[in-house]
Structures are given as structure tokens and as C-alpha cells.
């Protein structure tokens, strides 16, 4: 797995979340929780849990397809990467 690529995607996701001012605080917390858990796993050289992150990201991605296209794109990139590397 390309740790650097995932760090880069997570960074982009965090930036996009910060730019999205009208995002529900509870949803923002969900995004942050997922990104923090993934980053923590990577920093500890641990393999992130299979399925859980991807399922949660896909669920959140669907909620914002129309209202937040840039955020949807960032979430989709992370989810696609996780799917490609089998997480």
C-alpha cells in the first residue's frame, strides 16, 4: 500500500472539509473520525480494518453527491484508493 498516497488523499479530504462551511457538525465529526483512524493506523504501520472505513466513506459520499460535489470527490478518491488496496 502506498502510505504516502493515502496520506495525501486524507490531507485533501481534510482541506475540503474545512472549506465546506455548511457541513453538519455531526457529519463533520464522522469524516474526522474516519480520517483520524486511518491516519493513526498508517502512522503505526498497522493495516487499517478491512471494510469498515470503506463502507462508512461510501455511505457519507452518497449523502453529499449533489450538495457538496467537491467534498464528494475527495471522499470518493479516498474510498476508491482503499478499495484498490483491499482495505
N, C-alpha and C. Protein backbone atom coordinates (compact mmCIF):
# COMPACT_ATOMS: atom_id res chain seq x y z
N UNK A 1 0.85 -1.18 0.00
CA UNK A 1 0.00 0.00 0.00
C UNK A 1 0.89 1.24 0.00
N UNK A 2 0.52 2.22 -0.79
CA UNK A 2 1.25 3.47 -0.86
C UNK A 2 0.78 4.39 0.27
N UNK A 3 1.51 4.37 1.36
CA UNK A 3 1.16 5.17 2.52
C UNK A 3 1.15 6.66 2.17
N UNK A 4 2.12 7.08 1.38
CA UNK A 4 2.22 8.49 1.01
C UNK A 4 0.98 8.94 0.24
N UNK A 5 0.51 8.08 -0.66
CA UNK A 5 -0.69 8.42 -1.45
C UNK A 5 -1.90 8.57 -0.55
N UNK A 6 -2.07 7.65 0.40
CA UNK A 6 -3.21 7.74 1.31
C UNK A 6 -3.10 8.96 2.21
N UNK A 7 -1.90 9.28 2.70
CA UNK A 7 -1.71 10.50 3.49
C UNK A 7 -2.12 11.73 2.67
N UNK A 8 -1.72 11.75 1.41
CA UNK A 8 -2.06 12.86 0.53
C UNK A 8 -3.57 12.99 0.34
N UNK A 9 -4.22 11.86 0.10
CA UNK A 9 -5.68 11.87 -0.07
C UNK A 9 -6.40 12.31 1.20
N UNK A 10 -5.91 11.84 2.34
CA UNK A 10 -6.51 12.25 3.62
C UNK A 10 -6.32 13.75 3.85
N UNK A 11 -5.16 14.25 3.48
CA UNK A 11 -4.90 15.68 3.61
C UNK A 11 -5.87 16.48 2.74
N UNK A 12 -6.07 16.03 1.52
CA UNK A 12 -7.02 16.70 0.62
C UNK A 12 -8.44 16.66 1.18
N UNK A 13 -8.80 15.52 1.75
CA UNK A 13 -10.13 15.38 2.35
C UNK A 13 -10.30 16.35 3.52
N UNK A 14 -9.29 16.44 4.36
CA UNK A 14 -9.36 17.37 5.50
C UNK A 14 -9.48 18.82 5.01
N UNK A 15 -8.73 19.17 3.99
CA UNK A 15 -8.80 20.53 3.44
C UNK A 15 -10.20 20.82 2.90
N UNK A 16 -10.75 19.86 2.19
CA UNK A 16 -12.08 20.05 1.61
C UNK A 16 -13.13 20.17 2.71
N UNK A 17 -12.98 19.40 3.78
CA UNK A 17 -13.93 19.50 4.90
C UNK A 17 -13.86 20.88 5.53
N UNK A 18 -12.67 21.43 5.65
CA UNK A 18 -12.51 22.76 6.24
C UNK A 18 -13.15 23.84 5.38
N UNK A 19 -13.09 23.67 4.06
CA UNK A 19 -13.67 24.65 3.13
C UNK A 19 -15.19 24.57 3.08
N UNK A 20 -15.75 23.44 3.49
CA UNK A 20 -17.19 23.23 3.40
C UNK A 20 -17.84 23.74 4.68
N UNK A 21 -18.24 25.00 4.66
CA UNK A 21 -18.74 25.66 5.87
C UNK A 21 -20.13 25.19 6.29
N UNK A 22 -20.96 24.79 5.35
CA UNK A 22 -22.34 24.43 5.69
C UNK A 22 -22.52 22.93 5.98
N UNK A 23 -21.43 22.27 6.30
CA UNK A 23 -21.48 20.84 6.61
C UNK A 23 -21.99 20.64 8.04
N UNK A 24 -22.93 19.74 8.19
CA UNK A 24 -23.49 19.43 9.50
C UNK A 24 -22.37 19.01 10.45
N UNK A 25 -22.34 19.55 11.68
CA UNK A 25 -21.27 19.22 12.63
C UNK A 25 -21.15 17.72 12.93
N UNK A 26 -22.25 17.03 12.98
CA UNK A 26 -22.20 15.59 13.26
C UNK A 26 -21.54 14.84 12.10
N UNK A 27 -21.82 15.26 10.89
CA UNK A 27 -21.21 14.64 9.72
C UNK A 27 -19.73 14.98 9.66
N UNK A 28 -19.41 16.23 9.96
CA UNK A 28 -18.00 16.65 10.00
C UNK A 28 -17.24 15.78 11.00
N UNK A 29 -17.85 15.50 12.14
CA UNK A 29 -17.22 14.64 13.15
C UNK A 29 -17.01 13.23 12.62
N UNK A 30 -17.97 12.71 11.84
CA UNK A 30 -17.83 11.38 11.25
C UNK A 30 -16.65 11.34 10.28
N UNK A 31 -16.56 12.34 9.42
CA UNK A 31 -15.44 12.42 8.49
C UNK A 31 -14.11 12.47 9.25
N UNK A 32 -14.07 13.32 10.27
CA UNK A 32 -12.85 13.48 11.05
C UNK A 32 -12.47 12.18 11.74
N UNK A 33 -13.44 11.50 12.29
CA UNK A 33 -13.18 10.23 12.98
C UNK A 33 -12.57 9.20 12.02
N UNK A 34 -13.14 9.09 10.84
CA UNK A 34 -12.63 8.14 9.85
C UNK A 34 -11.20 8.52 9.42
N UNK A 35 -11.00 9.78 9.10
CA UNK A 35 -9.68 10.24 8.66
C UNK A 35 -8.64 10.06 9.76
N UNK A 36 -9.00 10.39 10.99
CA UNK A 36 -8.07 10.24 12.12
C UNK A 36 -7.71 8.78 12.35
N UNK A 37 -8.70 7.89 12.27
CA UNK A 37 -8.44 6.46 12.48
C UNK A 37 -7.54 5.89 11.39
N UNK A 38 -7.81 6.28 10.15
CA UNK A 38 -6.96 5.83 9.05
C UNK A 38 -5.53 6.34 9.22
N UNK A 39 -5.40 7.61 9.53
CA UNK A 39 -4.07 8.19 9.69
C UNK A 39 -3.34 7.54 10.86
N UNK A 40 -4.03 7.31 11.94
CA UNK A 40 -3.42 6.66 13.10
C UNK A 40 -2.90 5.27 12.74
N UNK A 41 -3.70 4.51 12.01
CA UNK A 41 -3.27 3.18 11.57
C UNK A 41 -2.02 3.25 10.71
N UNK A 42 -1.99 4.23 9.81
CA UNK A 42 -0.84 4.37 8.93
C UNK A 42 0.41 4.77 9.69
N UNK A 43 0.26 5.67 10.64
CA UNK A 43 1.41 6.14 11.43
C UNK A 43 1.99 5.02 12.28
N UNK A 44 1.16 4.06 12.64
CA UNK A 44 1.62 2.93 13.46
C UNK A 44 2.01 1.74 12.59
N UNK A 45 2.05 1.94 11.28
CA UNK A 45 2.33 0.87 10.32
C UNK A 45 1.40 -0.32 10.49
N UNK A 46 0.17 -0.04 10.87
CA UNK A 46 -0.83 -1.10 11.03
C UNK A 46 -1.74 -1.09 9.82
N UNK A 47 -2.22 -2.25 9.46
CA UNK A 47 -3.18 -2.36 8.36
C UNK A 47 -4.54 -1.92 8.89
N UNK A 48 -5.17 -0.89 8.29
CA UNK A 48 -6.50 -0.48 8.74
C UNK A 48 -7.51 -1.62 8.62
N UNK A 49 -8.53 -1.55 9.44
CA UNK A 49 -9.60 -2.56 9.43
C UNK A 49 -10.20 -2.71 8.05
N UNK A 50 -10.39 -3.93 7.64
CA UNK A 50 -10.99 -4.19 6.34
C UNK A 50 -12.47 -3.87 6.36
N UNK A 51 -12.92 -3.16 5.32
CA UNK A 51 -14.35 -2.94 5.13
C UNK A 51 -14.96 -1.79 5.89
N UNK A 52 -14.69 -1.64 7.13
CA UNK A 52 -15.36 -0.63 7.94
C UNK A 52 -15.19 0.78 7.43
N UNK A 53 -13.96 1.18 7.14
CA UNK A 53 -13.71 2.53 6.66
C UNK A 53 -14.36 2.75 5.30
N UNK A 54 -14.18 1.81 4.43
CA UNK A 54 -14.70 1.94 3.07
C UNK A 54 -16.22 2.06 3.09
N UNK A 55 -16.89 1.21 3.84
CA UNK A 55 -18.35 1.26 3.93
C UNK A 55 -18.83 2.61 4.45
N UNK A 56 -18.17 3.11 5.48
CA UNK A 56 -18.58 4.38 6.08
C UNK A 56 -18.34 5.54 5.11
N UNK A 57 -17.22 5.51 4.42
CA UNK A 57 -16.94 6.56 3.45
C UNK A 57 -17.93 6.55 2.29
N UNK A 58 -18.25 5.37 1.78
CA UNK A 58 -19.21 5.28 0.68
C UNK A 58 -20.58 5.79 1.11
N UNK A 59 -20.95 5.48 2.33
CA UNK A 59 -22.24 5.95 2.86
C UNK A 59 -22.27 7.48 2.92
N UNK A 60 -21.21 8.07 3.45
CA UNK A 60 -21.14 9.53 3.54
C UNK A 60 -21.05 10.16 2.15
N UNK A 61 -20.34 9.52 1.26
CA UNK A 61 -20.20 10.03 -0.10
C UNK A 61 -21.56 10.16 -0.78
N UNK A 62 -22.42 9.19 -0.60
CA UNK A 62 -23.74 9.21 -1.23
C UNK A 62 -24.61 10.35 -0.69
N UNK A 63 -24.42 10.72 0.56
CA UNK A 63 -25.24 11.77 1.17
C UNK A 63 -24.97 13.14 0.54
N UNK A 64 -23.80 13.34 -0.06
CA UNK A 64 -23.39 14.67 -0.50
C UNK A 64 -23.15 14.80 -1.98
N UNK A 65 -23.60 13.85 -2.76
CA UNK A 65 -23.33 13.88 -4.19
C UNK A 65 -23.77 15.18 -4.84
N UNK A 66 -24.93 15.69 -4.49
CA UNK A 66 -25.44 16.90 -5.13
C UNK A 66 -25.09 18.17 -4.36
N UNK A 67 -25.16 18.13 -3.04
CA UNK A 67 -24.98 19.35 -2.27
C UNK A 67 -23.52 19.77 -2.08
N UNK A 68 -22.60 18.82 -2.11
CA UNK A 68 -21.19 19.12 -1.89
C UNK A 68 -20.32 18.32 -2.87
N UNK A 69 -20.31 18.70 -4.14
CA UNK A 69 -19.60 17.89 -5.14
C UNK A 69 -18.09 17.77 -4.89
N UNK A 70 -17.45 18.82 -4.44
CA UNK A 70 -16.00 18.75 -4.19
C UNK A 70 -15.70 17.80 -3.02
N UNK A 71 -16.49 17.89 -1.97
CA UNK A 71 -16.31 17.01 -0.82
C UNK A 71 -16.58 15.57 -1.24
N UNK A 72 -17.60 15.37 -2.05
CA UNK A 72 -17.92 14.04 -2.56
C UNK A 72 -16.74 13.48 -3.35
N UNK A 73 -16.13 14.32 -4.16
CA UNK A 73 -14.98 13.90 -4.95
C UNK A 73 -13.82 13.48 -4.04
N UNK A 74 -13.53 14.26 -3.02
CA UNK A 74 -12.43 13.94 -2.10
C UNK A 74 -12.70 12.64 -1.35
N UNK A 75 -13.92 12.48 -0.87
CA UNK A 75 -14.28 11.25 -0.16
C UNK A 75 -14.19 10.06 -1.12
N UNK A 76 -14.66 10.25 -2.34
CA UNK A 76 -14.62 9.18 -3.33
C UNK A 76 -13.20 8.75 -3.66
N UNK A 77 -12.28 9.70 -3.72
CA UNK A 77 -10.88 9.36 -4.01
C UNK A 77 -10.29 8.50 -2.90
N UNK A 78 -10.57 8.86 -1.65
CA UNK A 78 -10.07 8.05 -0.53
C UNK A 78 -10.71 6.66 -0.57
N UNK A 79 -12.02 6.61 -0.77
CA UNK A 79 -12.73 5.32 -0.80
C UNK A 79 -12.22 4.45 -1.95
N UNK A 80 -12.04 5.05 -3.13
CA UNK A 80 -11.53 4.29 -4.27
C UNK A 80 -10.14 3.73 -3.99
N UNK A 81 -9.30 4.53 -3.38
CA UNK A 81 -7.95 4.07 -3.06
C UNK A 81 -8.00 2.90 -2.08
N UNK A 82 -8.83 3.03 -1.05
CA UNK A 82 -8.95 1.95 -0.07
C UNK A 82 -9.46 0.67 -0.74
N UNK A 83 -10.39 0.81 -1.65
CA UNK A 83 -10.91 -0.36 -2.36
C UNK A 83 -9.82 -1.01 -3.21
N UNK A 84 -9.01 -0.18 -3.87
CA UNK A 84 -7.93 -0.72 -4.72
C UNK A 84 -6.88 -1.49 -3.92
N UNK A 85 -6.61 -1.03 -2.70
CA UNK A 85 -5.57 -1.71 -1.91
C UNK A 85 -6.17 -2.77 -0.97
N UNK A 86 -7.47 -2.95 -1.06
CA UNK A 86 -8.10 -4.05 -0.33
C UNK A 86 -8.41 -3.77 1.13
N UNK A 87 -8.65 -2.52 1.46
CA UNK A 87 -8.98 -2.17 2.85
C UNK A 87 -10.47 -2.01 2.96
